[in-house]
């Protein structure tokens, strides 16, 4: 972790390889800009059963937002939007904000 710290990033021990699913799409730590203390909490809230549904909902919301542009054309604004969507979906507030129905 020293090498990571030397490059200007904060390294966080997030568990074993078998626990790496906690960092996958649809979980609270994925694609966010959390602080070091927030990462531990987000990892503890990861849910293996709901992550695939959340991932799919995030993709649907992003696709509707981007419209006819390709994902390669994402701008800084759209990256910020993706960050908010990931946080909102994993918090469970996406239905009110984006109108996407659960599967």
PDB file of N, CA and C in Angstrom:
ATOM      1  N   UNK A   1       0.829  -1.195   0.000  1.00  0.00           N
ATOM      2  CA  UNK A   1       0.000   0.000   0.000  1.00  0.00           C
ATOM      3  C   UNK A   1       0.868   1.251   0.000  1.00  0.00           C
ATOM      4  N   UNK A   2       2.116   1.107   0.394  1.00  0.00           N
ATOM      5  CA  UNK A   2       3.022   2.248   0.387  1.00  0.00           C
ATOM      6  C   UNK A   2       3.186   2.846  -0.995  1.00  0.00           C
ATOM      7  N   UNK A   3       3.326   2.002  -1.995  1.00  0.00           N
ATOM      8  CA  UNK A   3       3.478   2.486  -3.374  1.00  0.00           C
ATOM      9  C   UNK A   3       2.259   3.288  -3.807  1.00  0.00           C
ATOM     10  N   UNK A   4       1.080   2.815  -3.457  1.00  0.00           N
ATOM     11  CA  UNK A   4      -0.151   3.532  -3.803  1.00  0.00           C
ATOM     12  C   UNK A   4      -0.153   4.901  -3.130  1.00  0.00           C
ATOM     13  N   UNK A   5       0.214   4.950  -1.861  1.00  0.00           N
ATOM     14  CA  UNK A   5       0.262   6.226  -1.144  1.00  0.00           C
ATOM     15  C   UNK A   5       1.282   7.179  -1.761  1.00  0.00           C
ATOM     16  N   UNK A   6       2.409   6.642  -2.224  1.00  0.00           N
ATOM     17  CA  UNK A   6       3.443   7.473  -2.840  1.00  0.00           C
ATOM     18  C   UNK A   6       2.966   8.100  -4.149  1.00  0.00           C
ATOM     19  N   UNK A   7       2.024   7.489  -4.804  1.00  0.00           N
ATOM     20  CA  UNK A   7       1.509   8.041  -6.058  1.00  0.00           C
ATOM     21  C   UNK A   7       0.400   9.070  -5.835  1.00  0.00           C
ATOM     22  N   UNK A   8       0.071   9.323  -4.574  1.00  0.00           N
ATOM     23  CA  UNK A   8      -0.911  10.354  -4.270  1.00  0.00           C
ATOM     24  C   UNK A   8      -2.309   9.849  -3.999  1.00  0.00           C
ATOM     25  N   UNK A   9      -2.471   8.547  -3.944  1.00  0.00           N
ATOM     26  CA  UNK A   9      -3.779   7.968  -3.658  1.00  0.00           C
ATOM     27  C   UNK A   9      -3.797   7.434  -2.231  1.00  0.00           C
ATOM     28  N   UNK A  10      -4.982   7.323  -1.666  1.00  0.00           N
ATOM     29  CA  UNK A  10      -5.146   6.715  -0.346  1.00  0.00           C
ATOM     30  C   UNK A  10      -5.505   5.257  -0.526  1.00  0.00           C
ATOM     31  N   UNK A  11      -4.620   4.383  -0.065  1.00  0.00           N
ATOM     32  CA  UNK A  11      -4.884   2.946  -0.160  1.00  0.00           C
ATOM     33  C   UNK A  11      -5.793   2.523   0.987  1.00  0.00           C
ATOM     34  N   UNK A  12      -6.738   1.669   0.678  1.00  0.00           N
ATOM     35  CA  UNK A  12      -7.669   1.154   1.674  1.00  0.00           C
ATOM     36  C   UNK A  12      -7.687  -0.363   1.554  1.00  0.00           C
ATOM     37  N   UNK A  13      -7.418  -1.050   2.653  1.00  0.00           N
ATOM     38  CA  UNK A  13      -7.516  -2.512   2.665  1.00  0.00           C
ATOM     39  C   UNK A  13      -9.000  -2.855   2.645  1.00  0.00           C
ATOM     40  N   UNK A  14      -9.426  -3.516   1.596  1.00  0.00           N
ATOM     41  CA  UNK A  14     -10.864  -3.759   1.441  1.00  0.00           C
ATOM     42  C   UNK A  14     -11.241  -5.228   1.547  1.00  0.00           C
ATOM     43  N   UNK A  15     -10.351  -6.050   2.016  1.00  0.00           N
ATOM     44  CA  UNK A  15     -10.682  -7.455   2.210  1.00  0.00           C
ATOM     45  C   UNK A  15      -9.925  -8.365   1.273  1.00  0.00           C
ATOM     46  N   UNK A  16     -10.326  -9.602   1.285  1.00  0.00           N
ATOM     47  CA  UNK A  16      -9.671 -10.625   0.484  1.00  0.00           C
ATOM     48  C   UNK A  16     -10.208 -10.625  -0.942  1.00  0.00           C
ATOM     49  N   UNK A  17      -9.555 -11.384  -1.789  1.00  0.00           N
ATOM     50  CA  UNK A  17     -10.012 -11.510  -3.170  1.00  0.00           C
ATOM     51  C   UNK A  17     -11.433 -12.065  -3.236  1.00  0.00           C
ATOM     52  N   UNK A  18     -11.752 -12.987  -2.334  1.00  0.00           N
ATOM     53  CA  UNK A  18     -13.104 -13.559  -2.339  1.00  0.00           C
ATOM     54  C   UNK A  18     -14.164 -12.537  -1.925  1.00  0.00           C
ATOM     55  N   UNK A  19     -13.747 -11.425  -1.323  1.00  0.00           N
ATOM     56  CA  UNK A  19     -14.683 -10.361  -0.947  1.00  0.00           C
ATOM     57  C   UNK A  19     -14.692  -9.213  -1.960  1.00  0.00           C
ATOM     58  N   UNK A  20     -13.964  -9.370  -3.046  1.00  0.00           N
ATOM     59  CA  UNK A  20     -13.844  -8.276  -4.020  1.00  0.00           C
ATOM     60  C   UNK A  20     -15.157  -7.947  -4.719  1.00  0.00           C
ATOM     61  N   UNK A  21     -16.135  -8.830  -4.653  1.00  0.00           N
ATOM     62  CA  UNK A  21     -17.443  -8.546  -5.251  1.00  0.00           C
ATOM     63  C   UNK A  21     -18.048  -7.271  -4.650  1.00  0.00           C
ATOM     64  N   UNK A  22     -17.622  -6.900  -3.450  1.00  0.00           N
ATOM     65  CA  UNK A  22     -18.142  -5.693  -2.788  1.00  0.00           C
ATOM     66  C   UNK A  22     -17.800  -4.418  -3.551  1.00  0.00           C
ATOM     67  N   UNK A  23     -16.831  -4.513  -4.463  1.00  0.00           N
ATOM     68  CA  UNK A  23     -16.389  -3.356  -5.235  1.00  0.00           C
ATOM     69  C   UNK A  23     -16.925  -3.369  -6.664  1.00  0.00           C
ATOM     70  N   UNK A  24     -17.773  -4.299  -6.974  1.00  0.00           N
ATOM     71  CA  UNK A  24     -18.291  -4.463  -8.332  1.00  0.00           C
ATOM     72  C   UNK A  24     -19.446  -3.499  -8.616  1.00  0.00           C
ATOM     73  N   UNK A  25     -19.775  -3.304  -9.895  1.00  0.00           N
ATOM     74  CA  UNK A  25     -20.894  -2.431 -10.259  1.00  0.00           C
ATOM     75  C   UNK A  25     -22.183  -2.809  -9.534  1.00  0.00           C
ATOM     76  N   UNK A  26     -22.901  -1.793  -9.090  1.00  0.00           N
ATOM     77  CA  UNK A  26     -24.153  -2.001  -8.376  1.00  0.00           C
ATOM     78  C   UNK A  26     -23.997  -1.955  -6.875  1.00  0.00           C
ATOM     79  N   UNK A  27     -22.772  -1.857  -6.394  1.00  0.00           N
ATOM     80  CA  UNK A  27     -22.516  -1.735  -4.966  1.00  0.00           C
ATOM     81  C   UNK A  27     -22.075  -0.315  -4.643  1.00  0.00           C
ATOM     82  N   UNK A  28     -22.266   0.122  -3.388  1.00  0.00           N
ATOM     83  CA  UNK A  28     -22.059   1.528  -3.023  1.00  0.00           C
ATOM     84  C   UNK A  28     -20.658   2.094  -3.248  1.00  0.00           C
ATOM     85  N   UNK A  29     -19.638   1.283  -3.283  1.00  0.00           N
ATOM     86  CA  UNK A  29     -18.283   1.812  -3.439  1.00  0.00           C
ATOM     87  C   UNK A  29     -17.877   1.948  -4.907  1.00  0.00           C
ATOM     88  N   UNK A  30     -18.588   1.295  -5.802  1.00  0.00           N
ATOM     89  CA  UNK A  30     -18.220   1.306  -7.224  1.00  0.00           C
ATOM     90  C   UNK A  30     -18.490   2.663  -7.867  1.00  0.00           C
ATOM     91  N   UNK A  31     -17.507   3.163  -8.585  1.00  0.00           N
ATOM     92  CA  UNK A  31     -17.648   4.388  -9.393  1.00  0.00           C
ATOM     93  C   UNK A  31     -18.089   5.579  -8.549  1.00  0.00           C
ATOM     94  N   UNK A  32     -17.428   5.773  -7.429  1.00  0.00           N
ATOM     95  CA  UNK A  32     -17.732   6.913  -6.567  1.00  0.00           C
ATOM     96  C   UNK A  32     -16.436   7.613  -6.182  1.00  0.00           C
ATOM     97  N   UNK A  33     -16.562   8.743  -5.552  1.00  0.00           N
ATOM     98  CA  UNK A  33     -15.401   9.496  -5.078  1.00  0.00           C
ATOM     99  C   UNK A  33     -15.428   9.593  -3.556  1.00  0.00           C
ATOM    100  N   UNK A  34     -15.638   8.467  -2.911  1.00  0.00           N
ATOM    101  CA  UNK A  34     -15.758   8.432  -1.459  1.00  0.00           C
ATOM    102  C   UNK A  34     -14.427   8.729  -0.786  1.00  0.00           C
ATOM    103  N   UNK A  35     -14.521   9.246   0.422  1.00  0.00           N
ATOM    104  CA  UNK A  35     -13.321   9.455   1.228  1.00  0.00           C
ATOM    105  C   UNK A  35     -12.910   8.131   1.854  1.00  0.00           C
ATOM    106  N   UNK A  36     -11.723   8.086   2.380  1.00  0.00           N
ATOM    107  CA  UNK A  36     -11.236   6.845   2.992  1.00  0.00           C
ATOM    108  C   UNK A  36     -12.187   6.322   4.077  1.00  0.00           C
ATOM    109  N   UNK A  37     -12.671   7.168   4.996  1.00  0.00           N
ATOM    110  CA  UNK A  37     -13.613   6.652   5.998  1.00  0.00           C
ATOM    111  C   UNK A  37     -14.938   6.170   5.402  1.00  0.00           C
ATOM    112  N   UNK A  38     -15.405   6.826   4.342  1.00  0.00           N
ATOM    113  CA  UNK A  38     -16.671   6.445   3.712  1.00  0.00           C
ATOM    114  C   UNK A  38     -16.570   5.103   2.990  1.00  0.00           C
ATOM    115  N   UNK A  39     -15.376   4.760   2.520  1.00  0.00           N
ATOM    116  CA  UNK A  39     -15.197   3.508   1.786  1.00  0.00           C
ATOM    117  C   UNK A  39     -15.515   2.304   2.662  1.00  0.00           C
ATOM    118  N   UNK A  40     -15.030   2.294   3.889  1.00  0.00           N
ATOM    119  CA  UNK A  40     -15.316   1.174   4.796  1.00  0.00           C
ATOM    120  C   UNK A  40     -16.806   0.983   5.002  1.00  0.00           C
ATOM    121  N   UNK A  41     -17.526   2.079   5.195  1.00  0.00           N
ATOM    122  CA  UNK A  41     -18.980   2.000   5.382  1.00  0.00           C
ATOM    123  C   UNK A  41     -19.658   1.503   4.118  1.00  0.00           C
ATOM    124  N   UNK A  42     -19.237   2.014   2.972  1.00  0.00           N
ATOM    125  CA  UNK A  42     -19.837   1.587   1.702  1.00  0.00           C
ATOM    126  C   UNK A  42     -19.584   0.099   1.456  1.00  0.00           C
ATOM    127  N   UNK A  43     -18.389  -0.371   1.747  1.00  0.00           N
ATOM    128  CA  UNK A  43     -18.088  -1.796   1.569  1.00  0.00           C
ATOM    129  C   UNK A  43     -18.963  -2.659   2.474  1.00  0.00           C
ATOM    130  N   UNK A  44     -19.227  -2.182   3.680  1.00  0.00           N
ATOM    131  CA  UNK A  44     -20.062  -2.959   4.602  1.00  0.00           C
ATOM    132  C   UNK A  44     -21.521  -3.000   4.160  1.00  0.00           C
ATOM    133  N   UNK A  45     -21.942  -2.038   3.330  1.00  0.00           N
ATOM    134  CA  UNK A  45     -23.327  -1.997   2.841  1.00  0.00           C
ATOM    135  C   UNK A  45     -23.515  -2.747   1.526  1.00  0.00           C
ATOM    136  N   UNK A  46     -22.430  -3.265   0.970  1.00  0.00           N
ATOM    137  CA  UNK A  46     -22.535  -3.999  -0.303  1.00  0.00           C
ATOM    138  C   UNK A  46     -23.450  -5.198  -0.130  1.00  0.00           C
ATOM    139  N   UNK A  47     -24.231  -5.465  -1.172  1.00  0.00           N
ATOM    140  CA  UNK A  47     -25.185  -6.566  -1.115  1.00  0.00           C
ATOM    141  C   UNK A  47     -25.070  -7.379  -2.398  1.00  0.00           C
ATOM    142  N   UNK A  48     -24.583  -8.574  -2.268  1.00  0.00           N
ATOM    143  CA  UNK A  48     -24.344  -9.434  -3.426  1.00  0.00           C
ATOM    144  C   UNK A  48     -25.640  -9.737  -4.193  1.00  0.00           C
ATOM    145  N   UNK A  49     -26.744  -9.850  -3.478  1.00  0.00           N
ATOM    146  CA  UNK A  49     -28.017 -10.216  -4.106  1.00  0.00           C
ATOM    147  C   UNK A  49     -28.614  -9.068  -4.923  1.00  0.00           C
ATOM    148  N   UNK A  50     -28.475  -7.834  -4.453  1.00  0.00           N
ATOM    149  CA  UNK A  50     -29.099  -6.707  -5.157  1.00  0.00           C
ATOM    150  C   UNK A  50     -28.167  -6.015  -6.145  1.00  0.00           C
ATOM    151  N   UNK A  51     -26.880  -6.271  -6.075  1.00  0.00           N
ATOM    152  CA  UNK A  51     -25.915  -5.579  -6.943  1.00  0.00           C
ATOM    153  C   UNK A  51     -26.235  -5.718  -8.437  1.00  0.00           C
ATOM    154  N   UNK A  52     -26.556  -6.909  -8.944  1.00  0.00           N
ATOM    155  CA  UNK A  52     -26.867  -6.999 -10.384  1.00  0.00           C
ATOM    156  C   UNK A  52     -28.072  -6.146 -10.795  1.00  0.00           C
ATOM    157  N   UNK A  53     -29.112  -6.090  -9.964  1.00  0.00           N
ATOM    158  CA  UNK A  53     -30.273  -5.249 -10.265  1.00  0.00           C
ATOM    159  C   UNK A  53     -29.879  -3.778 -10.268  1.00  0.00           C
ATOM    160  N   UNK A  54     -29.098  -3.374  -9.272  1.00  0.00           N
ATOM    161  CA  UNK A  54     -28.651  -1.986  -9.207  1.00  0.00           C
ATOM    162  C   UNK A  54     -27.792  -1.639 -10.419  1.00  0.00           C
ATOM    163  N   UNK A  55     -26.889  -2.537 -10.792  1.00  0.00           N
ATOM    164  CA  UNK A  55     -26.036  -2.315 -11.966  1.00  0.00           C
ATOM    165  C   UNK A  55     -26.890  -2.076 -13.206  1.00  0.00           C
ATOM    166  N   UNK A  56     -27.889  -2.918 -13.414  1.00  0.00           N
ATOM    167  CA  UNK A  56     -28.753  -2.790 -14.586  1.00  0.00           C
ATOM    168  C   UNK A  56     -29.559  -1.493 -14.557  1.00  0.00           C
ATOM    169  N   UNK A  57     -30.013  -1.092 -13.377  1.00  0.00           N
ATOM    170  CA  UNK A  57     -30.770   0.153 -13.250  1.00  0.00           C
ATOM    171  C   UNK A  57     -29.873   1.356 -13.544  1.00  0.00           C
ATOM    172  N   UNK A  58     -28.634   1.307 -13.090  1.00  0.00           N
ATOM    173  CA  UNK A  58     -27.684   2.388 -13.355  1.00  0.00           C
ATOM    174  C   UNK A  58     -27.445   2.511 -14.857  1.00  0.00           C
ATOM    175  N   UNK A  59     -27.274   1.393 -15.533  1.00  0.00           N
ATOM    176  CA  UNK A  59     -27.048   1.401 -16.982  1.00  0.00           C
ATOM    177  C   UNK A  59     -28.255   1.989 -17.712  1.00  0.00           C
ATOM    178  N   UNK A  60     -29.459   1.629 -17.296  1.00  0.00           N
ATOM    179  CA  UNK A  60     -30.678   2.151 -17.917  1.00  0.00           C
ATOM    180  C   UNK A  60     -30.773   3.666 -17.734  1.00  0.00           C
ATOM    181  N   UNK A  61     -30.530   4.124 -16.530  1.00  0.00           N
ATOM    182  CA  UNK A  61     -30.592   5.567 -16.254  1.00  0.00           C
ATOM    183  C   UNK A  61     -29.554   6.307 -17.085  1.00  0.00           C
ATOM    184  N   UNK A  62     -28.337   5.790 -17.126  1.00  0.00           N
ATOM    185  CA  UNK A  62     -27.274   6.443 -17.884  1.00  0.00           C
ATOM    186  C   UNK A  62     -27.592   6.459 -19.378  1.00  0.00           C
ATOM    187  N   UNK A  63     -28.104   5.352 -19.889  1.00  0.00           N
ATOM    188  CA  UNK A  63     -28.451   5.289 -21.315  1.00  0.00           C
ATOM    189  C   UNK A  63     -29.528   6.310 -21.662  1.00  0.00           C
ATOM    190  N   UNK A  64     -30.514   6.469 -20.798  1.00  0.00           N
ATOM    191  CA  UNK A  64     -31.561   7.467 -21.030  1.00  0.00           C
ATOM    192  C   UNK A  64     -30.997   8.881 -20.968  1.00  0.00           C
ATOM    193  N   UNK A  65     -30.040   9.098 -20.109  1.00  0.00           N
ATOM    194  CA  UNK A  65     -29.433  10.418 -19.952  1.00  0.00           C
ATOM    195  C   UNK A  65     -28.552  10.769 -21.151  1.00  0.00           C
ATOM    196  N   UNK A  66     -27.788   9.822 -21.609  1.00  0.00           N
ATOM    197  CA  UNK A  66     -26.859  10.059 -22.711  1.00  0.00           C
ATOM    198  C   UNK A  66     -27.599  10.202 -24.025  1.00  0.00           C
ATOM    199  N   UNK A  67     -28.688   9.473 -24.190  1.00  0.00           N
ATOM    200  CA  UNK A  67     -29.486   9.560 -25.407  1.00  0.00           C
ATOM    201  C   UNK A  67     -28.761   8.978 -26.605  1.00  0.00           C
ATOM    202  N   UNK A  68     -28.718   9.738 -27.691  1.00  0.00           N
ATOM    203  CA  UNK A  68     -28.135   9.213 -28.924  1.00  0.00           C
ATOM    204  C   UNK A  68     -26.612   9.315 -28.959  1.00  0.00           C
ATOM    205  N   UNK A  69     -26.016  10.009 -28.011  1.00  0.00           N
ATOM    206  CA  UNK A  69     -24.554  10.073 -27.962  1.00  0.00           C
ATOM    207  C   UNK A  69     -23.994   8.732 -27.531  1.00  0.00           C
ATOM    208  N   UNK A  70     -22.786   8.428 -27.945  1.00  0.00           N
ATOM    209  CA  UNK A  70     -22.163   7.177 -27.526  1.00  0.00           C
ATOM    210  C   UNK A  70     -21.543   7.362 -26.146  1.00  0.00           C
ATOM    211  N   UNK A  71     -21.298   6.257 -25.474  1.00  0.00           N
ATOM    212  CA  UNK A  71     -20.664   6.331 -24.164  1.00  0.00           C
ATOM    213  C   UNK A  71     -19.263   6.915 -24.269  1.00  0.00           C
ATOM    214  N   UNK A  72     -18.640   6.820 -25.450  1.00  0.00           N
ATOM    215  CA  UNK A  72     -17.316   7.408 -25.650  1.00  0.00           C
ATOM    216  C   UNK A  72     -17.378   8.932 -25.656  1.00  0.00           C
ATOM    217  N   UNK A  73     -18.569   9.479 -25.831  1.00  0.00           N
ATOM    218  CA  UNK A  73     -18.730  10.926 -25.889  1.00  0.00           C
ATOM    219  C   UNK A  73     -19.092  11.533 -24.532  1.00  0.00           C
ATOM    220  N   UNK A  74     -18.968  10.757 -23.471  1.00  0.00           N
ATOM    221  CA  UNK A  74     -19.315  11.270 -22.149  1.00  0.00           C
ATOM    222  C   UNK A  74     -18.458  12.474 -21.802  1.00  0.00           C
ATOM    223  N   UNK A  75     -19.092  13.468 -21.234  1.00  0.00           N
ATOM    224  CA  UNK A  75     -18.401  14.679 -20.820  1.00  0.00           C
ATOM    225  C   UNK A  75     -18.207  14.665 -19.313  1.00  0.00           C
ATOM    226  N   UNK A  76     -17.529  15.655 -18.821  1.00  0.00           N
ATOM    227  CA  UNK A  76     -17.346  15.777 -17.376  1.00  0.00           C
ATOM    228  C   UNK A  76     -18.693  15.858 -16.671  1.00  0.00           C
ATOM    229  N   UNK A  77     -19.642  16.546 -17.280  1.00  0.00           N
ATOM    230  CA  UNK A  77     -20.986  16.650 -16.701  1.00  0.00           C
ATOM    231  C   UNK A  77     -21.634  15.274 -16.584  1.00  0.00           C
ATOM    232  N   UNK A  78     -21.507  14.462 -17.627  1.00  0.00           N
ATOM    233  CA  UNK A  78     -22.087  13.127 -17.592  1.00  0.00           C
ATOM    234  C   UNK A  78     -21.371  12.233 -16.596  1.00  0.00           C
ATOM    235  N   UNK A  79     -20.063  12.418 -16.425  1.00  0.00           N
ATOM    236  CA  UNK A  79     -19.338  11.652 -15.415  1.00  0.00           C
ATOM    237  C   UNK A  79     -19.849  11.997 -14.026  1.00  0.00           C
ATOM    238  N   UNK A  80     -20.108  13.273 -13.786  1.00  0.00           N
ATOM    239  CA  UNK A  80     -20.674  13.694 -12.502  1.00  0.00           C
ATOM    240  C   UNK A  80     -22.075  13.103 -12.325  1.00  0.00           C
ATOM    241  N   UNK A  81     -22.845  13.064 -13.411  1.00  0.00           N
ATOM    242  CA  UNK A  81     -24.177  12.464 -13.368  1.00  0.00           C
ATOM    243  C   UNK A  81     -24.080  10.984 -12.999  1.00  0.00           C
ATOM    244  N   UNK A  82     -23.147  10.253 -13.615  1.00  0.00           N
ATOM    245  CA  UNK A  82     -22.959   8.838 -13.317  1.00  0.00           C
ATOM    246  C   UNK A  82     -22.605   8.642 -11.846  1.00  0.00           C
ATOM    247  N   UNK A  83     -21.764   9.484 -11.310  1.00  0.00           N
ATOM    248  CA  UNK A  83     -21.398   9.410  -9.901  1.00  0.00           C
ATOM    249  C   UNK A  83     -22.636   9.557  -9.018  1.00  0.00           C
ATOM    250  N   UNK A  84     -23.479  10.565  -9.320  1.00  0.00           N
ATOM    251  CA  UNK A  84     -24.710  10.758  -8.533  1.00  0.00           C
ATOM    252  C   UNK A  84     -25.646   9.572  -8.662  1.00  0.00           C
ATOM    253  N   UNK A  85     -25.796   9.052  -9.878  1.00  0.00           N
ATOM    254  CA  UNK A  85     -26.695   7.920 -10.098  1.00  0.00           C
ATOM    255  C   UNK A  85     -26.223   6.714  -9.309  1.00  0.00           C
ATOM    256  N   UNK A  86     -24.945   6.402  -9.352  1.00  0.00           N
ATOM    257  CA  UNK A  86     -24.425   5.260  -8.595  1.00  0.00           C
ATOM    258  C   UNK A  86     -24.730   5.407  -7.113  1.00  0.00           C
ATOM    259  N   UNK A  87     -24.522   6.590  -6.598  1.00  0.00           N
ATOM    260  CA  UNK A  87     -24.812   6.815  -5.174  1.00  0.00           C
ATOM    261  C   UNK A  87     -26.311   6.685  -4.894  1.00  0.00           C
ATOM    262  N   UNK A  88     -27.140   7.290  -5.739  1.00  0.00           N
ATOM    263  CA  UNK A  88     -28.586   7.271  -5.517  1.00  0.00           C
ATOM    264  C   UNK A  88     -29.171   5.863  -5.624  1.00  0.00           C
ATOM    265  N   UNK A  89     -28.745   5.113  -6.623  1.00  0.00           N
ATOM    266  CA  UNK A  89     -29.278   3.758  -6.804  1.00  0.00           C
ATOM    267  C   UNK A  89     -28.898   2.881  -5.632  1.00  0.00           C
ATOM    268  N   UNK A  90     -27.649   2.940  -5.200  1.00  0.00           N
ATOM    269  CA  UNK A  90     -27.235   2.071  -4.101  1.00  0.00           C
ATOM    270  C   UNK A  90     -27.817   2.522  -2.763  1.00  0.00           C
ATOM    271  N   UNK A  91     -28.293   3.773  -2.685  1.00  0.00           N
ATOM    272  CA  UNK A  91     -28.994   4.232  -1.479  1.00  0.00           C
ATOM    273  C   UNK A  91     -30.475   3.878  -1.526  1.00  0.00           C
ATOM    274  N   UNK A  92     -30.968   3.521  -2.709  1.00  0.00           N
ATOM    275  CA  UNK A  92     -32.372   3.155  -2.839  1.00  0.00           C
ATOM    276  C   UNK A  92     -33.300   4.315  -3.132  1.00  0.00           C
ATOM    277  N   UNK A  93     -32.778   5.453  -3.582  1.00  0.00           N
ATOM    278  CA  UNK A  93     -33.635   6.609  -3.848  1.00  0.00           C
ATOM    279  C   UNK A  93     -33.816   6.880  -5.336  1.00  0.00           C
ATOM    280  N   UNK A  94     -33.355   5.977  -6.180  1.00  0.00           N
ATOM    281  CA  UNK A  94     -33.404   6.224  -7.622  1.00  0.00           C
ATOM    282  C   UNK A  94     -34.803   6.288  -8.186  1.00  0.00           C
ATOM    283  N   UNK A  95     -35.742   5.543  -7.655  1.00  0.00           N
ATOM    284  CA  UNK A  95     -37.087   5.517  -8.222  1.00  0.00           C
ATOM    285  C   UNK A  95     -37.726   6.903  -8.150  1.00  0.00           C
ATOM    286  N   UNK A  96     -37.553   7.571  -7.034  1.00  0.00           N
ATOM    287  CA  UNK A  96     -38.118   8.915  -6.888  1.00  0.00           C
ATOM    288  C   UNK A  96     -37.424   9.918  -7.800  1.00  0.00           C
ATOM    289  N   UNK A  97     -36.123   9.751  -7.993  1.00  0.00           N
ATOM    290  CA  UNK A  97     -35.351  10.739  -8.739  1.00  0.00           C
ATOM    291  C   UNK A  97     -35.339  10.492 -10.247  1.00  0.00           C
ATOM    292  N   UNK A  98     -35.380   9.225 -10.660  1.00  0.00           N
ATOM    293  CA  UNK A  98     -35.187   8.909 -12.066  1.00  0.00           C
ATOM    294  C   UNK A  98     -36.360   8.167 -12.707  1.00  0.00           C
ATOM    295  N   UNK A  99     -37.287   7.656 -11.904  1.00  0.00           N
ATOM    296  CA  UNK A  99     -38.464   6.998 -12.434  1.00  0.00           C
ATOM    297  C   UNK A  99     -38.213   5.624 -13.043  1.00  0.00           C
ATOM    298  N   UNK A 100     -37.139   4.987 -12.704  1.00  0.00           N
ATOM    299  CA  UNK A 100     -36.857   3.663 -13.214  1.00  0.00           C
ATOM    300  C   UNK A 100     -37.515   2.644 -12.294  1.00  0.00           C
ATOM    301  N   UNK A 101     -38.194   1.698 -12.890  1.00  0.00           N
ATOM    302  CA  UNK A 101     -38.874   0.678 -12.084  1.00  0.00           C
ATOM    303  C   UNK A 101     -37.942  -0.464 -11.758  1.00  0.00           C
ATOM    304  N   UNK A 102     -38.123  -1.028 -10.585  1.00  0.00           N
ATOM    305  CA  UNK A 102     -37.362  -2.225 -10.213  1.00  0.00           C
ATOM    306  C   UNK A 102     -37.795  -3.383 -11.085  1.00  0.00           C
ATOM    307  N   UNK A 103     -36.892  -4.302 -11.297  1.00  0.00           N
ATOM    308  CA  UNK A 103     -37.195  -5.497 -12.106  1.00  0.00           C
ATOM    309  C   UNK A 103     -37.985  -6.458 -11.265  1.00  0.00           C
TER     310      UNK A 103
END
